Each structure stands twice: as structure tokens, then as C-alpha cells.
Amino acid sequence: MITNIQALRAFASVAVMLYHMNYPFLPGLQTDFQGVAIFFVISGFIMTHITHQDKRETTPAAFMLHRLIRIVPLYWFSVLVFLWLSNLGALNLAGTLPRIGKLAMEAPLSLLDWFGSTFHLFAWASPADVIRTLLFIPYRNLNGHLQPLLGVGWTLNIEMYFYALFALMLLFGSRRAPTFTGIAIVVVWLVGKGAGEAGADWLQLYSSDYVLCFTGGITIYYLWRRCQQAAANQQNRRQFMVLASVLTLIYVVSNLNPFQWTAHHSPASLITSVPLVFASLIAHSLGLRLTSPWVLLLGAASYSLYLVHTVVLEVLRTPAQEFFPFLRYDRTLSGVVIAAMACLVVAIIIHLTVEMPSLRWLRGKVFPRPATS
């Protein structure tokens, strides 16, 4: 495990969570510190790394099965829980709690009927939207946005596009696949930019500027592999430490600039996530590695945190606005701390009790390890 990458996953997931709280930490600054872009850069790097290191994932079918097992179970679980909570009214507790109180006083047994009815999958969303969400099919919601039912799922639609493209390119061999994938991503991006709003919904999503981060991650792998031995050389350590520091500084300055000198989602802005990931890899080669068990746990639970944090924040939102002002995470620091802790605790619990057990079970069934003599 490259622990610095795991630490970056932790940072990226927390950055996205804080962004969705909308708390103004600095005047005029509203940024997710390119958390999504960091995830995509890491994904491009890791997919290239594993196809060069792990022969079990060099066929299109094996590669895609590994990715589906990693992504689908927790995503489907999160979507279904989100739908159930929506049906239950938990995303609008300010309106739901008085109703529960009235039912409890006047007709307690009716609470059981109400609770059971909330398991109806399509009570809040249409069957078409649920199916398209679960199958990672891009579509426009009622607000006209290219988002599935679980808002953060739009990034997974892009991620699955990258995986499918990578799996297809593995037909040309594991050595060529990363390069061919990077080229294909840029070609589709150019076609989508040329088509503009006239392009199909899927083309508009797959030509998002974010997709360039995958190509950045692929490029990083080859740069890092060339630098790895040189960075380990004692004579070169100082130069590589300076390089890592400069790359990190580029990222920090570009994200803390209150004047937003680049558009938030422009290629120039998103590409600042590439130096940060590259700097973390150089630090790994220099032996400068983050090994805190808490950071690594959060990195391992970053996918869970990414999926569930918006649901937790939504559950907290209306009670905070209506009854408990100190819980308002968009206005008070106490609200930020309490909401963050709630998100982190829920994410770690889901990681340990849902994500990891399902991963182990599915991997054991689909990719059983050969018996040792």
C-alpha cells in the first residue's frame, strides 16, 4: 500500500464534505480543494499501477469485475438507504417529527404502517430514475442537472466510464492500455467540447473537464516510475524534496487564491490536483510516508464518507435550521465540528460493517484464492 495515496483519499473525502457544508472558512473562498479531481487523478494512477503489477487484472473481464465489486455494492446500498430515508421523511425532520409525534399520541399502531410503507422503492423516485441511477446511466434530473438520485453519484458515472474505457483498451494489452485510454479520454473530451450543448447527455458528462484528471493520473505513474530510483539516491534526495515541496505549493496556492484566478472547474484549475498526487508519490519514494492508523482508516473509509456525507448532512439540515441554531454547519463552527464528526462516525461504521464484509465475501466468491498445500 502507498500510504500517502491513502492519506490523500482521506483528505479529498473530507474536503468534499466540508465543501458541501458551505461554511465560509475564508472570506470569498468556496472550494472543495479539488477533492473530486484528486480522486480521479488517484484512480488513473492506481488503474495503471495495478495493470502493470497485478497480472490477475490484465484481462478486460477480470479488470471490470474487480472494479464492479469495489464500486457497486456500497453505491447501491447508499442509494437504497437514501431512497428509504427520503420516503421515511428523515431528510426533512422539521416536518416529519411533528407528524411522528401526532401519530404517536393519536394512533400509535399507525406508525408501524407508515414505517413499513416507506420501504416502497418508488414512493419518492420514478422507476426509470432508480434504474438509471443504479446502472450508472447519465440522465438529467428535474433540475436539469446531469445527476442521479444520490447527487454525488455523478462522479461514479464518470468513474465507470473510465473503467469501461480502460477495460476495452486492455484488449490491446496491459502495457498499451493506459496510454490508449488516456488518448481516448482526450479525444472524447475534444469531441464533447466541439459539440457543446448540442451533444448528447452522456457525451456532455464524459467530456467534463474532470475526465482529464484520469489522463493526469496515468501520466503520473510513468513519471513516478522513472523518478523512483533516482529519488532513492542519497545525492538526489534534496532536489526531489524541493520538487515535492514546489509541487505541493502550486496546489495550495491555486486552491487558496481568494480571487479564483482560474474558473473552479476549468482544466487549468483541475490540473492542480496532479502536482499534489505526484508530490505525495515522490515523498513515498523518499521514505516520507504518512502511517497514522487514524489517517489510514479514514483513507480506507473515504469511499463510504464520500457516498454518505450528503445524506447525513441532509438529515441534520432541517433540525439545525428550525430547532438548534448551534448545529447549523453553514454558519457556526460548532455545527461544522458536530456535523463532521457525525459524517465520519457513520462513514467508518458503514465501512467496517457493510463495505469491507461485502468486499471480502464477493471477492472470495468471484476470485477465490487457490488452496495452499
Protein backbone atom coordinates (compact mmCIF):
# COMPACT_ATOMS: atom_id res chain seq x y z
CA MET A 1 0.00 0.00 0.00
CA ILE A 2 1.18 3.51 -0.82
CA THR A 3 0.13 5.14 2.44
CA ASN A 4 0.50 8.69 1.09
CA ILE A 5 -2.15 7.93 -1.53
CA GLN A 6 -4.43 6.57 1.19
CA ALA A 7 -3.88 9.79 3.14
CA LEU A 8 -4.78 11.84 0.06
CA ARG A 9 -8.01 9.87 -0.25
CA ALA A 10 -8.81 10.84 3.33
CA PHE A 11 -8.03 14.49 2.61
CA ALA A 12 -10.10 14.52 -0.59
CA SER A 13 -13.18 13.00 1.03
CA VAL A 14 -13.03 15.43 3.96
CA ALA A 15 -12.51 18.35 1.55
CA VAL A 16 -15.65 17.43 -0.40
CA MET A 17 -17.60 17.02 2.85
CA LEU A 18 -16.55 20.49 4.06
CA TYR A 19 -17.43 21.97 0.68
CA HIS A 20 -20.99 20.64 0.96
CA MET A 21 -21.31 22.20 4.41
CA ASN A 22 -20.91 25.59 2.71
CA TYR A 23 -19.17 27.09 5.74
CA PRO A 24 -17.02 30.14 4.78
CA PHE A 25 -13.66 29.28 6.33
CA LEU A 26 -12.01 32.14 4.43
CA PRO A 27 -13.73 35.27 3.07
CA GLY A 28 -14.72 34.83 -0.55
CA LEU A 29 -13.40 31.27 -0.72
CA GLN A 30 -15.69 28.37 -1.51
CA THR A 31 -13.69 25.41 -2.70
CA ASP A 32 -13.62 21.64 -2.34
CA PHE A 33 -9.80 21.84 -2.70
CA GLN A 34 -10.27 19.77 -5.86
CA GLY A 35 -11.27 16.72 -3.82
CA VAL A 36 -13.10 15.09 -6.73
CA ALA A 37 -10.20 15.84 -9.06
CA ILE A 38 -7.77 14.23 -6.59
CA PHE A 39 -9.92 11.09 -6.54
CA PHE A 40 -9.85 10.93 -10.34
CA VAL A 41 -6.09 11.51 -10.55
CA ILE A 42 -5.54 8.75 -7.98
CA SER A 43 -7.86 6.47 -9.95
CA GLY A 44 -5.88 7.00 -13.16
CA PHE A 45 -2.65 6.28 -11.30
CA ILE A 46 -3.93 3.19 -9.46
CA MET A 47 -5.50 1.59 -12.54
CA THR A 48 -2.22 1.97 -14.40
CA HIS A 49 -0.25 0.71 -11.41
CA ILE A 50 -2.30 -2.44 -10.89
CA THR A 51 -2.30 -3.44 -14.54
CA HIS A 52 1.48 -3.26 -14.52
CA GLN A 53 1.85 -5.03 -11.18
CA ASP A 54 -1.08 -7.47 -10.86
CA LYS A 55 -1.41 -10.00 -13.68
CA ARG A 56 -4.82 -11.06 -12.32
CA GLU A 57 -6.32 -7.81 -13.61
CA THR A 58 -4.87 -7.68 -17.10
CA THR A 59 -7.88 -9.13 -18.94
CA PRO A 60 -10.87 -6.87 -19.64
CA ALA A 61 -13.29 -9.19 -17.81
CA ALA A 62 -11.16 -9.58 -14.67
CA PHE A 63 -10.41 -5.85 -14.57
CA MET A 64 -14.06 -4.89 -14.86
CA LEU A 65 -15.20 -7.46 -12.31
CA HIS A 66 -12.70 -6.14 -9.76
CA ARG A 67 -13.96 -2.59 -10.33
CA LEU A 68 -17.64 -3.54 -10.14
CA ILE A 69 -17.09 -5.44 -6.91
CA ARG A 70 -15.31 -2.43 -5.47
CA ILE A 71 -17.81 0.23 -6.56
CA VAL A 72 -21.28 -1.25 -6.98
CA PRO A 73 -22.27 -2.86 -3.63
CA LEU A 74 -21.70 0.19 -1.43
CA TYR A 75 -23.14 2.55 -4.05
CA TRP A 76 -26.32 0.51 -4.40
CA PHE A 77 -26.57 0.25 -0.62
CA SER A 78 -26.18 4.04 -0.27
CA VAL A 79 -28.75 4.77 -2.99
CA LEU A 80 -31.31 2.40 -1.45
CA VAL A 81 -30.76 3.82 2.05
CA PHE A 82 -31.10 7.33 0.62
CA LEU A 83 -34.41 6.38 -1.04
CA TRP A 84 -35.69 4.80 2.16
CA LEU A 85 -34.74 7.83 4.26
CA SER A 86 -36.42 10.07 1.68
CA ASN A 87 -39.60 8.00 1.86
CA LEU A 88 -39.39 8.00 5.65
CA GLY A 89 -39.14 11.77 5.73
CA ALA A 90 -35.80 11.72 7.50
CA LEU A 91 -34.40 14.26 5.04
CA ASN A 92 -36.93 16.79 6.30
CA LEU A 93 -37.13 16.08 10.01
CA ALA A 94 -38.54 19.52 10.79
CA GLY A 95 -41.71 18.47 9.00
CA THR A 96 -41.60 14.78 9.85
CA LEU A 97 -41.00 14.88 13.62
CA PRO A 98 -44.25 16.74 14.40
CA ARG A 99 -46.10 14.18 12.28
CA ILE A 100 -44.49 11.31 14.18
CA GLY A 101 -45.40 12.95 17.47
CA LYS A 102 -49.03 13.38 16.42
CA LEU A 103 -49.31 9.77 15.27
CA ALA A 104 -47.69 8.53 18.48
CA MET A 105 -50.25 10.41 20.55
CA GLU A 106 -53.37 9.69 18.49
CA ALA A 107 -52.80 6.36 16.71
CA PRO A 108 -49.57 4.62 17.80
CA LEU A 109 -50.21 1.47 15.75
CA SER A 110 -50.42 3.52 12.56
CA LEU A 111 -46.72 4.28 12.99
CA LEU A 112 -46.00 0.66 12.04
CA ASP A 113 -47.99 1.01 8.81
CA TRP A 114 -46.28 4.27 8.00
CA PHE A 115 -42.84 2.85 8.73
CA GLY A 116 -43.49 -0.24 6.58
CA SER A 117 -44.80 1.82 3.66
CA THR A 118 -41.51 3.70 3.45
CA PHE A 119 -39.76 0.58 2.15
CA HIS A 120 -41.62 1.01 -1.16
CA LEU A 121 -38.73 1.76 -3.51
CA PHE A 122 -40.59 4.03 -5.93
CA ALA A 123 -42.58 6.09 -3.43
CA TRP A 124 -40.32 9.09 -3.98
CA ALA A 125 -38.50 8.42 -7.27
CA SER A 126 -39.63 7.06 -10.62
CA PRO A 127 -38.62 3.50 -11.64
CA ALA A 128 -36.71 4.90 -14.62
CA ASP A 129 -34.63 7.22 -12.43
CA VAL A 130 -33.88 4.45 -9.94
CA ILE A 131 -32.77 2.05 -12.69
CA ARG A 132 -30.63 4.67 -14.44
CA THR A 133 -29.05 5.62 -11.13
CA LEU A 134 -28.20 2.03 -10.19
CA LEU A 135 -26.82 1.26 -13.68
CA PHE A 136 -24.68 4.43 -13.89
CA ILE A 137 -26.62 5.72 -16.91
CA PRO A 138 -26.34 9.53 -17.21
CA TYR A 139 -29.61 11.47 -17.31
CA ARG A 140 -30.91 14.90 -16.40
CA ASN A 141 -32.87 15.24 -13.18
CA LEU A 142 -35.86 17.54 -12.63
CA ASN A 143 -33.48 20.47 -12.13
CA GLY A 144 -31.84 19.82 -15.49
CA HIS A 145 -28.57 18.63 -13.94
CA LEU A 146 -26.67 15.53 -15.02
CA GLN A 147 -27.05 13.95 -11.58
CA PRO A 148 -28.50 10.63 -10.39
CA LEU A 149 -30.77 10.32 -7.35
CA LEU A 150 -27.81 10.32 -4.98
CA GLY A 151 -26.22 13.60 -6.01
CA VAL A 152 -22.55 12.63 -5.61
CA GLY A 153 -23.18 9.67 -7.93
CA TRP A 154 -22.42 11.82 -10.97
CA THR A 155 -18.73 11.27 -10.27
CA LEU A 156 -19.28 7.50 -10.22
CA ASN A 157 -20.93 7.73 -13.63
CA ILE A 158 -17.70 9.30 -14.88
CA GLU A 159 -15.61 6.75 -12.97
CA MET A 160 -17.48 3.83 -14.54
CA TYR A 161 -16.94 5.39 -17.97
CA PHE A 162 -13.21 5.44 -17.25
CA TYR A 163 -13.25 1.81 -16.10
CA ALA A 164 -15.19 0.66 -19.16
CA LEU A 165 -12.81 2.53 -21.46
CA PHE A 166 -9.77 1.10 -19.66
CA ALA A 167 -11.20 -2.44 -19.84
CA LEU A 168 -11.78 -2.02 -23.57
CA MET A 169 -8.21 -0.84 -24.11
CA LEU A 170 -6.90 -3.91 -22.27
CA LEU A 171 -7.77 -5.82 -25.45
CA PHE A 172 -4.59 -4.25 -26.83
CA GLY A 173 -2.51 -5.49 -23.88
CA SER A 174 -1.85 -4.25 -20.37
CA ARG A 175 1.20 -2.23 -21.42
CA ARG A 176 -0.65 -0.27 -24.08
CA ALA A 177 -3.98 0.08 -22.28
CA PRO A 178 -3.15 3.08 -20.05
CA THR A 179 -1.71 5.13 -22.93
CA PHE A 180 -4.57 4.25 -25.27
CA THR A 181 -7.08 5.06 -22.54
CA GLY A 182 -5.51 8.45 -21.92
CA ILE A 183 -5.61 9.25 -25.63
CA ALA A 184 -9.24 8.09 -25.95
CA ILE A 185 -10.26 10.26 -22.98
CA VAL A 186 -8.74 13.35 -24.60
CA VAL A 187 -10.36 12.56 -27.96
CA VAL A 188 -13.83 12.18 -26.40
CA TRP A 189 -13.23 15.35 -24.38
CA LEU A 190 -12.39 17.29 -27.56
CA VAL A 191 -15.42 15.89 -29.39
CA GLY A 192 -17.68 16.81 -26.48
CA LYS A 193 -16.28 20.33 -26.27
CA GLY A 194 -16.84 20.72 -30.01
CA ALA A 195 -20.43 19.53 -29.74
CA GLY A 196 -21.16 21.75 -26.74
CA GLU A 197 -24.74 21.74 -25.50
CA ALA A 198 -25.87 20.09 -28.73
CA GLY A 199 -24.13 16.88 -27.67
CA ALA A 200 -25.98 14.01 -26.03
CA ASP A 201 -26.21 13.99 -22.25
CA TRP A 202 -23.70 11.16 -21.94
CA LEU A 203 -21.25 13.00 -24.19
CA GLN A 204 -21.56 16.18 -22.15
CA LEU A 205 -20.85 14.25 -18.95
CA TYR A 206 -17.97 12.22 -20.38
CA SER A 207 -16.38 15.37 -21.83
CA SER A 208 -16.43 17.11 -18.45
CA ASP A 209 -13.10 18.74 -17.68
CA TYR A 210 -12.78 16.32 -14.78
CA VAL A 211 -12.01 13.42 -17.15
CA LEU A 212 -8.63 14.97 -17.92
CA CYS A 213 -7.64 14.09 -14.35
CA PHE A 214 -7.61 10.39 -15.30
CA THR A 215 -5.09 11.14 -18.02
CA GLY A 216 -3.09 13.14 -15.48
CA GLY A 217 -3.06 10.14 -13.13
CA ILE A 218 -1.92 7.81 -15.91
CA THR A 219 0.90 10.20 -16.81
CA ILE A 220 1.95 10.46 -13.16
CA TYR A 221 2.50 6.71 -12.97
CA TYR A 222 5.12 6.75 -15.72
CA LEU A 223 6.81 9.88 -14.36
CA TRP A 224 6.93 8.42 -10.87
CA ARG A 225 8.34 5.11 -12.10
CA ARG A 226 11.17 6.99 -13.78
CA CYS A 227 11.82 9.11 -10.70
CA GLN A 228 11.57 6.32 -8.15
CA GLN A 229 15.13 5.02 -8.25
CA ALA A 230 16.62 8.49 -8.67
CA ALA A 231 14.69 9.76 -5.63
CA ALA A 232 16.06 6.93 -3.51
CA ASN A 233 19.63 8.02 -4.34
CA GLN A 234 21.06 10.00 -1.41
CA GLN A 235 22.70 12.51 -3.74
CA ASN A 236 19.35 13.38 -5.31
CA ARG A 237 17.24 13.50 -2.14
CA ARG A 238 17.49 17.26 -1.64
CA GLN A 239 16.50 18.03 -5.23
CA PHE A 240 13.49 15.71 -5.06
CA MET A 241 12.42 17.13 -1.71
CA VAL A 242 12.49 20.62 -3.23
CA LEU A 243 10.50 19.35 -6.22
CA ALA A 244 7.86 17.78 -3.97
CA SER A 245 7.62 20.98 -1.93
CA VAL A 246 7.20 23.15 -5.03
CA LEU A 247 4.51 20.86 -6.45
CA THR A 248 2.60 20.94 -3.17
CA LEU A 249 2.93 24.73 -3.00
CA ILE A 250 1.49 25.05 -6.52
CA TYR A 251 -1.54 23.08 -5.40
CA VAL A 252 -2.01 25.05 -2.16
CA VAL A 253 -1.66 28.49 -3.77
CA SER A 254 -4.01 27.67 -6.63
CA ASN A 255 -6.70 26.46 -4.21
CA LEU A 256 -6.37 29.18 -1.58
CA ASN A 257 -6.39 32.08 -4.03
CA PRO A 258 -9.47 34.11 -2.94
CA PHE A 259 -9.59 35.81 -6.33
CA GLN A 260 -10.12 32.43 -8.05
CA TRP A 261 -7.77 33.26 -10.90
CA THR A 262 -8.91 30.15 -12.69
CA ALA A 263 -12.50 29.02 -13.07
CA HIS A 264 -13.32 26.43 -10.40
CA HIS A 265 -13.89 23.56 -12.82
CA SER A 266 -11.64 24.60 -15.71
CA PRO A 267 -8.87 22.27 -16.96
CA ALA A 268 -6.23 24.70 -15.63
CA SER A 269 -7.78 24.63 -12.17
CA LEU A 270 -8.38 20.89 -12.01
CA ILE A 271 -4.89 20.06 -13.18
CA THR A 272 -3.51 21.47 -9.90
CA SER A 273 -4.54 18.18 -8.29
CA VAL A 274 -1.92 16.40 -10.41
CA PRO A 275 1.13 18.04 -8.74
CA LEU A 276 -0.21 17.18 -5.28
CA VAL A 277 -0.60 13.48 -6.09
CA PHE A 278 2.81 13.45 -7.78
CA ALA A 279 4.38 15.18 -4.75
CA SER A 280 2.90 12.54 -2.43
CA LEU A 281 4.42 9.80 -4.57
CA ILE A 282 7.85 11.47 -4.55
CA ALA A 283 7.59 11.72 -0.77
CA HIS A 284 6.79 7.99 -0.67
CA SER A 285 9.94 7.25 -2.67
CA LEU A 286 11.95 9.41 -0.28
CA GLY A 287 10.63 7.41 2.66
CA LEU A 288 8.44 10.28 3.89
CA ARG A 289 5.24 8.35 4.48
CA LEU A 290 2.10 9.06 6.50
CA THR A 291 1.43 6.00 8.63
CA SER A 292 -1.05 7.26 11.22
CA PRO A 293 -3.60 4.46 11.73
CA TRP A 294 -6.41 7.02 12.04
CA VAL A 295 -5.49 8.70 8.77
CA LEU A 296 -5.20 5.33 7.02
CA LEU A 297 -8.55 4.24 8.46
CA LEU A 298 -10.16 7.40 7.14
CA GLY A 299 -8.46 6.83 3.80
CA ALA A 300 -9.85 3.30 3.70
CA ALA A 301 -13.31 4.66 4.60
CA SER A 302 -13.08 7.56 2.12
CA TYR A 303 -15.45 5.93 -0.36
CA SER A 304 -18.02 5.42 2.39
CA LEU A 305 -17.58 9.01 3.56
CA TYR A 306 -17.92 10.33 0.04
CA LEU A 307 -21.20 8.47 -0.52
CA VAL A 308 -22.92 9.02 2.83
CA HIS A 309 -21.85 12.50 3.93
CA THR A 310 -24.50 14.35 1.89
CA VAL A 311 -27.21 12.09 3.32
CA VAL A 312 -26.03 12.71 6.89
CA LEU A 313 -25.82 16.46 6.26
CA GLU A 314 -29.32 16.48 4.81
CA VAL A 315 -30.70 14.62 7.81
CA LEU A 316 -29.10 17.23 10.09
CA ARG A 317 -30.07 20.23 7.98
CA THR A 318 -33.70 20.96 8.87
CA PRO A 319 -33.47 20.30 12.63
CA ALA A 320 -30.44 22.61 12.72
CA GLN A 321 -32.30 25.34 10.86
CA GLU A 322 -35.55 25.02 12.79
CA PHE A 323 -34.67 23.99 16.34
CA PHE A 324 -30.93 24.01 17.08
CA PRO A 325 -29.05 27.01 15.59
CA PHE A 326 -25.75 25.85 17.10
CA LEU A 327 -25.95 22.84 14.75
CA ARG A 328 -26.03 24.98 11.61
CA TYR A 329 -22.91 23.79 9.82
CA ASP A 330 -23.25 26.52 7.20
CA ARG A 331 -22.97 29.28 9.81
CA THR A 332 -21.38 28.06 13.05
CA LEU A 333 -18.08 26.37 13.76
CA SER A 334 -19.80 24.18 16.37
CA GLY A 335 -22.16 22.97 13.66
CA VAL A 336 -19.19 22.16 11.39
CA VAL A 337 -17.48 20.10 14.11
CA ILE A 338 -20.63 18.21 15.13
CA ALA A 339 -21.70 17.53 11.53
CA ALA A 340 -18.19 16.43 10.56
CA MET A 341 -18.00 14.02 13.48
CA ALA A 342 -21.42 12.61 12.60
CA CYS A 343 -20.37 12.07 8.98
CA LEU A 344 -17.06 10.47 9.96
CA VAL A 345 -18.60 8.12 12.53
CA VAL A 346 -21.35 6.98 10.17
CA ALA A 347 -18.86 6.50 7.33
CA ILE A 348 -16.44 4.42 9.42
CA ILE A 349 -19.27 2.27 10.79
CA ILE A 350 -20.57 1.61 7.26
CA HIS A 351 -17.03 0.92 6.06
CA LEU A 352 -16.43 -1.66 8.78
CA THR A 353 -19.87 -3.31 8.83
CA VAL A 354 -21.05 -3.06 5.20
CA GLU A 355 -18.26 -2.15 2.78
CA MET A 356 -15.46 -4.45 3.94
CA PRO A 357 -17.59 -7.56 4.68
CA SER A 358 -19.31 -7.31 1.29
CA LEU A 359 -15.96 -6.83 -0.47
CA ARG A 360 -14.41 -9.85 1.24
CA TRP A 361 -17.44 -12.03 0.51
CA LEU A 362 -17.72 -11.04 -3.15
CA ARG A 363 -14.00 -11.29 -3.82
CA GLY A 364 -13.96 -14.73 -2.20
CA LYS A 365 -16.84 -15.86 -4.42
CA VAL A 366 -15.71 -14.31 -7.70
CA PHE A 367 -11.93 -14.57 -7.26
CA PRO A 368 -11.32 -17.47 -4.86
CA ARG A 369 -7.71 -17.85 -3.83
CA PRO A 370 -6.10 -21.17 -4.76
CA ALA A 371 -5.71 -23.60 -1.90
CA THR A 372 -2.21 -23.76 -0.45
CA SER A 373 -0.58 -27.14 0.17
